[in-house]
Amino acid sequence: MVLQMTKKSTLSLAGLLAAALLVGTTAARADMYVIESTVAGVSVGAHLKTDDSLAIPANQQIRAVLPSGKTQTIRGPFNGKVSDLAKGTANEGVWSWMMNMAKTGGSSEITTGATRSVTPGSKPRAFSWAEVPTGVNGSICVEKGAKVLLTRTAATRIDRATVVDTASGERAEVKWEVGSQTADWPSSLQLRADGAYQLFQQDRPKRDVMLRIMDKLPAEDDQLAELQKLGCQHQFNAWLRDKMAAGGKS
């Protein structure tokens, strides 16, 4: 059996992922989850079980998350069992985060007390190795040498934040202009590997961020596993959301 979902489905992206993942964590240990597909019979969000048959015609392909947490592109022609592909030790951390995204849709930014300033229809920002969101707690993975930006949801007013290096106590001010989503990381604050910072904005909760500076970025197929290993859940969700949103488009 090949699992199918039509592109016309009215289920949300989060709903598709939830439908796949909530089948059970035990099944995930030998199954695959499709995040990109050009095959008519296999849609993004499909949960492919170990004993399912999978047919991929020539010149078509799918990309799936394997039990190991790696992603893999499988190009046709292929005709066989999912078990022929879904091999490796299960990465329970990756699957746990995927299930969390299924429940939340990947939303981790806090807007309570700030909704009046948010531009209607604003979408989550795309995955980045250089952006530090001001609306989340936790680790953010940053490429060494990148121009680091502090981001917010596009707003209809000038906005400011105070960034504090918790180790040194040094602080700096950041300002966003009307309609802008990004501001440069303050030059007076050193970007420290595994450095802890606090972000303060008026009418918003304090946010605690740790920067995980990466000397070398992981290979594309290793990115989910590496983001989970380093605790960068915001980017994990953004990466997966971006891939699945674009994965069914021809």
C-alpha atoms as a PDB file:
ATOM      1  CA  MET A   1       0.000   0.000   0.000  1.00  0.00           C
ATOM      2  CA  VAL A   2       1.215   3.491  -0.825  1.00  0.00           C
ATOM      3  CA  LEU A   3      -0.176   6.227   1.435  1.00  0.00           C
ATOM      4  CA  GLN A   4      -1.714   9.079  -0.513  1.00  0.00           C
ATOM      5  CA  MET A   5      -2.900  12.623   0.241  1.00  0.00           C
ATOM      6  CA  THR A   6      -4.160  14.924  -2.492  1.00  0.00           C
ATOM      7  CA  LYS A   7      -2.679  18.395  -2.881  1.00  0.00           C
ATOM      8  CA  LYS A   8      -6.216  19.753  -2.724  1.00  0.00           C
ATOM      9  CA  SER A   9      -6.592  18.606   0.851  1.00  0.00           C
ATOM     10  CA  THR A  10      -7.954  21.260   3.149  1.00  0.00           C
ATOM     11  CA  LEU A  11      -5.791  20.081   6.021  1.00  0.00           C
ATOM     12  CA  SER A  12      -3.236  22.620   7.213  1.00  0.00           C
ATOM     13  CA  LEU A  13       0.469  21.884   7.037  1.00  0.00           C
ATOM     14  CA  ALA A  14       0.484  21.290  10.779  1.00  0.00           C
ATOM     15  CA  GLY A  15      -2.500  18.987  10.382  1.00  0.00           C
ATOM     16  CA  LEU A  16      -0.732  16.916   7.758  1.00  0.00           C
ATOM     17  CA  LEU A  17       2.291  16.494   9.937  1.00  0.00           C
ATOM     18  CA  ALA A  18       0.160  15.734  12.969  1.00  0.00           C
ATOM     19  CA  ALA A  19      -1.773  13.072  11.085  1.00  0.00           C
ATOM     20  CA  ALA A  20       1.479  11.404  10.159  1.00  0.00           C
ATOM     21  CA  LEU A  21       3.311  11.657  13.444  1.00  0.00           C
ATOM     22  CA  LEU A  22       0.523  10.891  15.881  1.00  0.00           C
ATOM     23  CA  VAL A  23       0.366   7.353  14.514  1.00  0.00           C
ATOM     24  CA  GLY A  24       2.893   6.569  17.245  1.00  0.00           C
ATOM     25  CA  THR A  25       6.490   6.955  18.187  1.00  0.00           C
ATOM     26  CA  THR A  26       7.171   3.225  17.929  1.00  0.00           C
ATOM     27  CA  ALA A  27       6.198   3.154  14.257  1.00  0.00           C
ATOM     28  CA  ALA A  28       8.462   6.124  13.563  1.00  0.00           C
ATOM     29  CA  ARG A  29      11.481   4.003  14.381  1.00  0.00           C
ATOM     30  CA  ALA A  30      11.257   2.205  11.054  1.00  0.00           C
ATOM     31  CA  ASP A  31       9.134   4.586   8.993  1.00  0.00           C
ATOM     32  CA  MET A  32       9.707   7.664   6.840  1.00  0.00           C
ATOM     33  CA  TYR A  33       7.926  11.013   6.616  1.00  0.00           C
ATOM     34  CA  VAL A  34       7.715  12.792   3.291  1.00  0.00           C
ATOM     35  CA  ILE A  35       8.676  16.467   3.233  1.00  0.00           C
ATOM     36  CA  GLU A  36       9.024  16.939  -0.530  1.00  0.00           C
ATOM     37  CA  SER A  37       7.477  15.063  -3.428  1.00  0.00           C
ATOM     38  CA  THR A  38       6.974  15.239  -7.187  1.00  0.00           C
ATOM     39  CA  VAL A  39       5.187  11.863  -7.192  1.00  0.00           C
ATOM     40  CA  ALA A  40       1.423  12.157  -7.738  1.00  0.00           C
ATOM     41  CA  GLY A  41       0.613   9.275  -5.400  1.00  0.00           C
ATOM     42  CA  VAL A  42       2.808  10.386  -2.494  1.00  0.00           C
ATOM     43  CA  SER A  43       2.026  13.764  -0.980  1.00  0.00           C
ATOM     44  CA  VAL A  44       3.942  15.940   1.424  1.00  0.00           C
ATOM     45  CA  GLY A  45       3.046  14.857   4.966  1.00  0.00           C
ATOM     46  CA  ALA A  46       2.600  11.192   4.001  1.00  0.00           C
ATOM     47  CA  HIS A  47       3.578   8.691   6.684  1.00  0.00           C
ATOM     48  CA  LEU A  48       5.242   5.753   4.945  1.00  0.00           C
ATOM     49  CA  LYS A  49       5.230   2.631   7.107  1.00  0.00           C
ATOM     50  CA  THR A  50       7.894  -0.050   7.055  1.00  0.00           C
ATOM     51  CA  ASP A  51       5.816  -2.610   5.172  1.00  0.00           C
ATOM     52  CA  ASP A  52       4.334  -0.157   2.649  1.00  0.00           C
ATOM     53  CA  SER A  53       5.233  -0.484  -0.999  1.00  0.00           C
ATOM     54  CA  LEU A  54       6.663   2.616  -2.641  1.00  0.00           C
ATOM     55  CA  ALA A  55       6.678   3.314  -6.367  1.00  0.00           C
ATOM     56  CA  ILE A  56       8.608   6.295  -7.736  1.00  0.00           C
ATOM     57  CA  PRO A  57       8.557   6.643 -11.535  1.00  0.00           C
ATOM     58  CA  ALA A  58      11.620   7.676 -13.498  1.00  0.00           C
ATOM     59  CA  ASN A  59      12.408  11.407 -13.375  1.00  0.00           C
ATOM     60  CA  GLN A  60      10.397  11.832 -10.170  1.00  0.00           C
ATOM     61  CA  GLN A  61      11.482  11.884  -6.547  1.00  0.00           C
ATOM     62  CA  ILE A  62      10.558  12.263  -2.909  1.00  0.00           C
ATOM     63  CA  ARG A  63      12.505  13.582   0.057  1.00  0.00           C
ATOM     64  CA  ALA A  64      11.847  12.040   3.445  1.00  0.00           C
ATOM     65  CA  VAL A  65      13.012  12.143   7.052  1.00  0.00           C
ATOM     66  CA  LEU A  66      14.569   8.791   7.940  1.00  0.00           C
ATOM     67  CA  PRO A  67      14.506   7.110  11.370  1.00  0.00           C
ATOM     68  CA  SER A  68      18.057   8.383  11.946  1.00  0.00           C
ATOM     69  CA  GLY A  69      16.862  11.984  11.688  1.00  0.00           C
ATOM     70  CA  LYS A  70      18.656  12.456   8.379  1.00  0.00           C
ATOM     71  CA  THR A  71      16.747  13.516   5.293  1.00  0.00           C
ATOM     72  CA  GLN A  72      17.209  11.665   2.029  1.00  0.00           C
ATOM     73  CA  THR A  73      16.137  12.256  -1.550  1.00  0.00           C
ATOM     74  CA  ILE A  74      14.957   9.075  -3.280  1.00  0.00           C
ATOM     75  CA  ARG A  75      14.890   9.371  -7.061  1.00  0.00           C
ATOM     76  CA  GLY A  76      13.029   7.110  -9.432  1.00  0.00           C
ATOM     77  CA  PRO A  77      12.797   4.648 -10.812  1.00  0.00           C
ATOM     78  CA  PHE A  78      12.242   2.850  -7.515  1.00  0.00           C
ATOM     79  CA  ASN A  79       9.797   0.085  -6.732  1.00  0.00           C
ATOM     80  CA  GLY A  80      10.128  -1.647  -3.400  1.00  0.00           C
ATOM     81  CA  LYS A  81       9.406  -1.606   0.305  1.00  0.00           C
ATOM     82  CA  VAL A  82       9.899   1.348   2.609  1.00  0.00           C
ATOM     83  CA  SER A  83      11.988  -0.996   4.773  1.00  0.00           C
ATOM     84  CA  ASP A  84      14.566  -1.045   1.963  1.00  0.00           C
ATOM     85  CA  LEU A  85      15.162   2.660   2.581  1.00  0.00           C
ATOM     86  CA  ALA A  86      14.196   3.430   6.199  1.00  0.00           C
ATOM     87  CA  LYS A  87      17.214   1.993   7.947  1.00  0.00           C
ATOM     88  CA  GLY A  88      19.359   3.190  10.810  1.00  0.00           C
ATOM     89  CA  THR A  89      19.101   3.777  14.543  1.00  0.00           C
ATOM     90  CA  ALA A  90      16.156   5.949  15.530  1.00  0.00           C
ATOM     91  CA  ASN A  91      16.903   9.528  16.557  1.00  0.00           C
ATOM     92  CA  GLU A  92      14.296   9.952  19.286  1.00  0.00           C
ATOM     93  CA  GLY A  93      15.156  13.626  19.767  1.00  0.00           C
ATOM     94  CA  VAL A  94      14.298  14.506  16.172  1.00  0.00           C
ATOM     95  CA  TRP A  95      11.023  12.589  16.309  1.00  0.00           C
ATOM     96  CA  SER A  96      10.053  14.235  19.592  1.00  0.00           C
ATOM     97  CA  TRP A  97      10.571  17.690  18.099  1.00  0.00           C
ATOM     98  CA  MET A  98       8.634  16.725  14.983  1.00  0.00           C
ATOM     99  CA  MET A  99       5.708  15.648  17.150  1.00  0.00           C
ATOM    100  CA  ASN A 100       5.895  18.922  19.037  1.00  0.00           C
ATOM    101  CA  MET A 101       5.717  20.797  15.758  1.00  0.00           C
ATOM    102  CA  ALA A 102       2.725  18.695  14.765  1.00  0.00           C
ATOM    103  CA  LYS A 103       0.908  19.970  17.849  1.00  0.00           C
ATOM    104  CA  THR A 104       1.975  23.617  17.631  1.00  0.00           C
ATOM    105  CA  GLY A 105       2.472  24.172  13.916  1.00  0.00           C
ATOM    106  CA  GLY A 106       5.991  25.318  14.728  1.00  0.00           C
ATOM    107  CA  SER A 107       4.820  28.496  16.384  1.00  0.00           C
ATOM    108  CA  SER A 108       7.170  29.494  19.194  1.00  0.00           C
ATOM    109  CA  GLU A 109       7.063  33.284  19.088  1.00  0.00           C
ATOM    110  CA  ILE A 110       5.240  35.099  21.863  1.00  0.00           C
ATOM    111  CA  THR A 111       3.013  37.986  20.860  1.00  0.00           C
ATOM    112  CA  THR A 112       1.001  38.435  24.062  1.00  0.00           C
ATOM    113  CA  GLY A 113       0.895  42.113  24.955  1.00  0.00           C
ATOM    114  CA  ALA A 114       2.217  43.098  21.555  1.00  0.00           C
ATOM    115  CA  THR A 115      -0.505  42.121  19.135  1.00  0.00           C
ATOM    116  CA  ARG A 116      -1.438  45.706  18.390  1.00  0.00           C
ATOM    117  CA  SER A 117       1.937  46.303  16.741  1.00  0.00           C
ATOM    118  CA  VAL A 118       1.904  43.213  14.524  1.00  0.00           C
ATOM    119  CA  THR A 119       1.184  43.751  10.844  1.00  0.00           C
ATOM    120  CA  PRO A 120      -1.957  41.815   9.824  1.00  0.00           C
ATOM    121  CA  GLY A 121      -1.173  38.719   7.772  1.00  0.00           C
ATOM    122  CA  SER A 122       2.491  38.582   8.827  1.00  0.00           C
ATOM    123  CA  LYS A 123       4.095  35.202   8.148  1.00  0.00           C
ATOM    124  CA  PRO A 124       6.873  33.472  10.075  1.00  0.00           C
ATOM    125  CA  ARG A 125      10.298  34.335   8.746  1.00  0.00           C
ATOM    126  CA  ALA A 126      12.100  31.764   6.651  1.00  0.00           C
ATOM    127  CA  PHE A 127      14.835  29.559   8.045  1.00  0.00           C
ATOM    128  CA  SER A 128      18.152  31.339   8.584  1.00  0.00           C
ATOM    129  CA  TRP A 129      21.614  30.675  10.020  1.00  0.00           C
ATOM    130  CA  ALA A 130      22.062  34.377  10.822  1.00  0.00           C
ATOM    131  CA  GLU A 131      18.843  35.621  12.432  1.00  0.00           C
ATOM    132  CA  VAL A 132      18.116  35.853  16.154  1.00  0.00           C
ATOM    133  CA  PRO A 133      14.358  36.252  16.798  1.00  0.00           C
ATOM    134  CA  THR A 134      13.369  38.498  19.681  1.00  0.00           C
ATOM    135  CA  GLY A 135      10.196  36.550  20.383  1.00  0.00           C
ATOM    136  CA  VAL A 136      11.614  33.170  21.450  1.00  0.00           C
ATOM    137  CA  ASN A 137      13.554  31.557  24.268  1.00  0.00           C
ATOM    138  CA  GLY A 138      16.270  28.989  23.743  1.00  0.00           C
ATOM    139  CA  SER A 139      19.273  28.257  21.563  1.00  0.00           C
ATOM    140  CA  ILE A 140      19.843  29.852  18.167  1.00  0.00           C
ATOM    141  CA  CYS A 141      22.398  28.370  15.781  1.00  0.00           C
ATOM    142  CA  VAL A 142      24.456  31.042  14.019  1.00  0.00           C
ATOM    143  CA  GLU A 143      27.019  30.598  11.263  1.00  0.00           C
ATOM    144  CA  LYS A 144      30.444  31.846  12.273  1.00  0.00           C
ATOM    145  CA  GLY A 145      31.279  35.071  10.444  1.00  0.00           C
ATOM    146  CA  ALA A 146      27.693  35.734   9.326  1.00  0.00           C
ATOM    147  CA  LYS A 147      26.122  39.170   9.630  1.00  0.00           C
ATOM    148  CA  VAL A 148      23.797  38.518  12.543  1.00  0.00           C
ATOM    149  CA  LEU A 149      20.381  40.183  12.598  1.00  0.00           C
ATOM    150  CA  LEU A 150      17.828  40.575  15.359  1.00  0.00           C
ATOM    151  CA  THR A 151      14.350  39.991  13.977  1.00  0.00           C
ATOM    152  CA  ARG A 152      10.767  40.765  14.926  1.00  0.00           C
ATOM    153  CA  THR A 153       7.406  40.371  13.230  1.00  0.00           C
ATOM    154  CA  ALA A 154       6.851  43.235  10.771  1.00  0.00           C
ATOM    155  CA  ALA A 155       5.218  46.058  12.696  1.00  0.00           C
ATOM    156  CA  THR A 156       3.490  49.359  12.112  1.00  0.00           C
ATOM    157  CA  ARG A 157       5.579  51.307  14.618  1.00  0.00           C
ATOM    158  CA  ILE A 158       9.155  52.044  15.593  1.00  0.00           C
ATOM    159  CA  ASP A 159      10.324  49.447  18.080  1.00  0.00           C
ATOM    160  CA  ARG A 160      13.295  49.100  20.434  1.00  0.00           C
ATOM    161  CA  ALA A 161      14.962  46.375  22.443  1.00  0.00           C
ATOM    162  CA  THR A 162      17.760  46.116  24.969  1.00  0.00           C
ATOM    163  CA  VAL A 163      20.207  43.239  24.537  1.00  0.00           C
ATOM    164  CA  VAL A 164      22.207  42.201  27.611  1.00  0.00           C
ATOM    165  CA  ASP A 165      25.232  39.919  27.727  1.00  0.00           C
ATOM    166  CA  THR A 166      24.501  37.988  30.906  1.00  0.00           C
ATOM    167  CA  ALA A 167      28.166  37.097  31.504  1.00  0.00           C
ATOM    168  CA  SER A 168      29.614  40.619  31.295  1.00  0.00           C
ATOM    169  CA  GLY A 169      26.517  42.654  32.072  1.00  0.00           C
ATOM    170  CA  GLU A 170      27.158  44.778  28.969  1.00  0.00           C
ATOM    171  CA  ARG A 171      24.060  46.031  27.205  1.00  0.00           C
ATOM    172  CA  ALA A 172      23.138  47.698  23.936  1.00  0.00           C
ATOM    173  CA  GLU A 173      20.055  49.193  22.351  1.00  0.00           C
ATOM    174  CA  VAL A 174      18.495  48.003  19.085  1.00  0.00           C
ATOM    175  CA  LYS A 175      15.961  49.908  16.991  1.00  0.00           C
ATOM    176  CA  TRP A 176      13.600  48.779  14.232  1.00  0.00           C
ATOM    177  CA  GLU A 177      12.040  51.309  11.906  1.00  0.00           C
ATOM    178  CA  VAL A 178       8.370  51.182  10.875  1.00  0.00           C
ATOM    179  CA  GLY A 179       7.700  48.107   8.750  1.00  0.00           C
ATOM    180  CA  SER A 180      11.194  46.671   9.227  1.00  0.00           C
ATOM    181  CA  GLN A 181      11.663  43.129  10.514  1.00  0.00           C
ATOM    182  CA  THR A 182      15.433  43.189  10.994  1.00  0.00           C
ATOM    183  CA  ALA A 183      18.078  45.176  12.847  1.00  0.00           C
ATOM    184  CA  ASP A 184      21.817  44.592  13.005  1.00  0.00           C
ATOM    185  CA  TRP A 185      23.240  42.852  16.040  1.00  0.00           C
ATOM    186  CA  PRO A 186      24.752  45.680  18.138  1.00  0.00           C
ATOM    187  CA  SER A 187      28.441  46.059  17.312  1.00  0.00           C
ATOM    188  CA  SER A 188      29.285  46.800  20.948  1.00  0.00           C
ATOM    189  CA  LEU A 189      28.213  43.318  22.064  1.00  0.00           C
ATOM    190  CA  GLN A 190      30.555  40.453  21.251  1.00  0.00           C
ATOM    191  CA  LEU A 191      29.036  37.368  19.676  1.00  0.00           C
ATOM    192  CA  ARG A 192      30.231  34.618  22.003  1.00  0.00           C
ATOM    193  CA  ALA A 193      30.037  30.903  21.328  1.00  0.00           C
ATOM    194  CA  ASP A 194      27.449  29.466  23.713  1.00  0.00           C
ATOM    195  CA  GLY A 195      26.987  33.004  25.001  1.00  0.00           C
ATOM    196  CA  ALA A 196      23.821  33.755  26.958  1.00  0.00           C
ATOM    197  CA  TYR A 197      21.894  36.945  26.254  1.00  0.00           C
ATOM    198  CA  GLN A 198      18.691  38.513  27.502  1.00  0.00           C
ATOM    199  CA  LEU A 199      16.329  40.544  25.332  1.00  0.00           C
ATOM    200  CA  PHE A 200      14.058  43.189  26.826  1.00  0.00           C
ATOM    201  CA  GLN A 201      11.231  44.912  24.936  1.00  0.00           C
ATOM    202  CA  GLN A 202       8.452  47.116  26.224  1.00  0.00           C
ATOM    203  CA  ASP A 203       5.194  45.254  26.943  1.00  0.00           C
ATOM    204  CA  ARG A 204       6.805  41.898  26.121  1.00  0.00           C
ATOM    205  CA  PRO A 205       8.210  39.076  28.224  1.00  0.00           C
ATOM    206  CA  LYS A 206      11.973  38.935  28.748  1.00  0.00           C
ATOM    207  CA  ARG A 207      13.567  36.436  26.406  1.00  0.00           C
ATOM    208  CA  ASP A 208      16.650  34.312  27.155  1.00  0.00           C
ATOM    209  CA  VAL A 209      18.774  33.261  24.182  1.00  0.00           C
ATOM    210  CA  MET A 210      21.948  31.197  23.827  1.00  0.00           C
ATOM    211  CA  LEU A 211      23.979  31.585  20.645  1.00  0.00           C
ATOM    212  CA  ARG A 212      25.460  28.384  19.246  1.00  0.00           C
ATOM    213  CA  ILE A 213      28.206  29.610  16.905  1.00  0.00           C
ATOM    214  CA  MET A 214      28.869  27.050  14.165  1.00  0.00           C
ATOM    215  CA  ASP A 215      32.354  26.907  12.627  1.00  0.00           C
ATOM    216  CA  LYS A 216      31.006  24.779   9.784  1.00  0.00           C
ATOM    217  CA  LEU A 217      27.419  24.320   8.684  1.00  0.00           C
ATOM    218  CA  PRO A 218      26.105  20.746   8.428  1.00  0.00           C
ATOM    219  CA  ALA A 219      25.330  19.112   5.106  1.00  0.00           C
ATOM    220  CA  GLU A 220      21.775  19.676   3.907  1.00  0.00           C
ATOM    221  CA  ASP A 221      20.593  16.183   4.793  1.00  0.00           C
ATOM    222  CA  ASP A 222      22.088  16.443   8.301  1.00  0.00           C
ATOM    223  CA  GLN A 223      20.555  19.794   9.236  1.00  0.00           C
ATOM    224  CA  LEU A 224      17.525  18.569  11.185  1.00  0.00           C
ATOM    225  CA  ALA A 225      19.621  16.228  13.303  1.00  0.00           C
ATOM    226  CA  GLU A 226      22.274  18.884  13.962  1.00  0.00           C
ATOM    227  CA  LEU A 227      19.732  21.555  14.893  1.00  0.00           C
ATOM    228  CA  GLN A 228      18.129  19.157  17.361  1.00  0.00           C
ATOM    229  CA  LYS A 229      21.496  18.133  18.788  1.00  0.00           C
ATOM    230  CA  LEU A 230      22.377  21.797  19.476  1.00  0.00           C
ATOM    231  CA  GLY A 231      18.958  22.622  20.908  1.00  0.00           C
ATOM    232  CA  CYS A 232      17.962  25.070  18.143  1.00  0.00           C
ATOM    233  CA  GLN A 233      14.263  24.222  18.060  1.00  0.00           C
ATOM    234  CA  HIS A 234      13.053  27.490  16.551  1.00  0.00           C
ATOM    235  CA  GLN A 235      15.214  26.886  13.470  1.00  0.00           C
ATOM    236  CA  PHE A 236      14.326  23.192  13.399  1.00  0.00           C
ATOM    237  CA  ASN A 237      10.663  24.162  13.063  1.00  0.00           C
ATOM    238  CA  ALA A 238      11.390  26.879  10.493  1.00  0.00           C
ATOM    239  CA  TRP A 239      13.492  24.522   8.352  1.00  0.00           C
ATOM    240  CA  LEU A 240      10.876  21.776   8.382  1.00  0.00           C
ATOM    241  CA  ARG A 241       8.001  24.216   7.788  1.00  0.00           C
ATOM    242  CA  ASP A 242       9.774  25.788   4.793  1.00  0.00           C
ATOM    243  CA  LYS A 243      10.630  22.458   3.189  1.00  0.00           C
ATOM    244  CA  MET A 244       7.117  21.054   3.571  1.00  0.00           C
ATOM    245  CA  ALA A 245       5.455  24.245   2.351  1.00  0.00           C
ATOM    246  CA  ALA A 246       7.520  24.200  -0.830  1.00  0.00           C
ATOM    247  CA  GLY A 247       7.869  20.436  -1.148  1.00  0.00           C
ATOM    248  CA  GLY A 248       4.635  19.735  -2.980  1.00  0.00           C
ATOM    249  CA  LYS A 249       4.992  22.483  -5.553  1.00  0.00           C
ATOM    250  CA  SER A 250       6.029  21.567  -9.000  1.00  0.00           C
END
